[in-house]
Amino acid sequence: MRILKRTCLLSLLTALFACLAFLPAQAEILTSATSLYVCQKVAPLLETELDELGVDLGNPIFIRIFKESRELELWVQQDEEYRLFKTYAICNLSGKLGPKLREGDEQGPEGFYAVSERQLNPNSQYHLSFDIGYPNTYDKLHGRTGSALMIHGDCISVGCFAMTDSRIEEIYTLAQEALRNGQGFFRVHIFPFRMTEANMKKHRKSKWFSFWQNLKEGYDYFEQTKMPPQINVKGKRYVCEPDYTETAGNQRRINQIYN
């Protein structure tokens, strides 16, 4: 937010106050000494970079991960679309292309996930982290098992997405401030690769091709609209629909309530 930008730049004390919370009742859930220190350290630079993009710290965010190229995209909403803020290199991930099937297979998941405030971990042994929400409804319907699949710091992975400490500090701060500012949850879409026609043709002989065709529906929806779809599961398939809760008008009403 513009107010947060001004206050974070005044002094470290003011920055600390700005990082405490828009919603005091959430502060205990969302913060720790580490996350507060990180916020006051990175918020001023993030504000400057976001301002160049024409968006604000605290706006809704959206994350896409591409396993083959080891990239994490972080998008920030402004008005009726999301704008790409940064593409972060993933320091480490484990497994092969294809979904996670069971606990202990060291695979990273693929699919559509959501992260709310309760999934943030400011006391992580990997600096900072958040649980992506695996297994989701689709995974459970297909008998897939596993738990504690994270995006976190450091560069160690056993099914998680390790970003390094410096990168997770930015990602975590953007997520934390979006949730504090009224975003109920943010979406994390995980793909095996960028789902272009050329890449789909390249991987057409994979046993996961039918599954990937289903994931491509969500990929294409966002590519065309720059708004993440509402993901439902019907007949053991993902179904993409317009997400009216993500409109800018609705977000402005939420901001008025919480600010």
Foldseek 3Di string as FASTA:
>chain_A
DVVLLVQLPPDLVSQLVSLQFLDVVCNVLQDDPLLSVLSSVCVNVVQVLVVVVVDGQQAAWAWEAAAVQQWIWIWGDDAAFTDTRDIAHFLDADDAQDAAAEAPPLAAHAFKFKFFSNQWDCPDPQRTKGWRHPPDPLNVVVNGYYDDAIAGEDRDGSRHGHRHNVVVSVVSSSQSSNNRQQDRIYMYGYHNHLPDPVVLVVCVPPPCSVVNVLSVVQNVVCVVRNDGFDWDADPSGTDGHHDPCNGPVNSVVRNVVSD
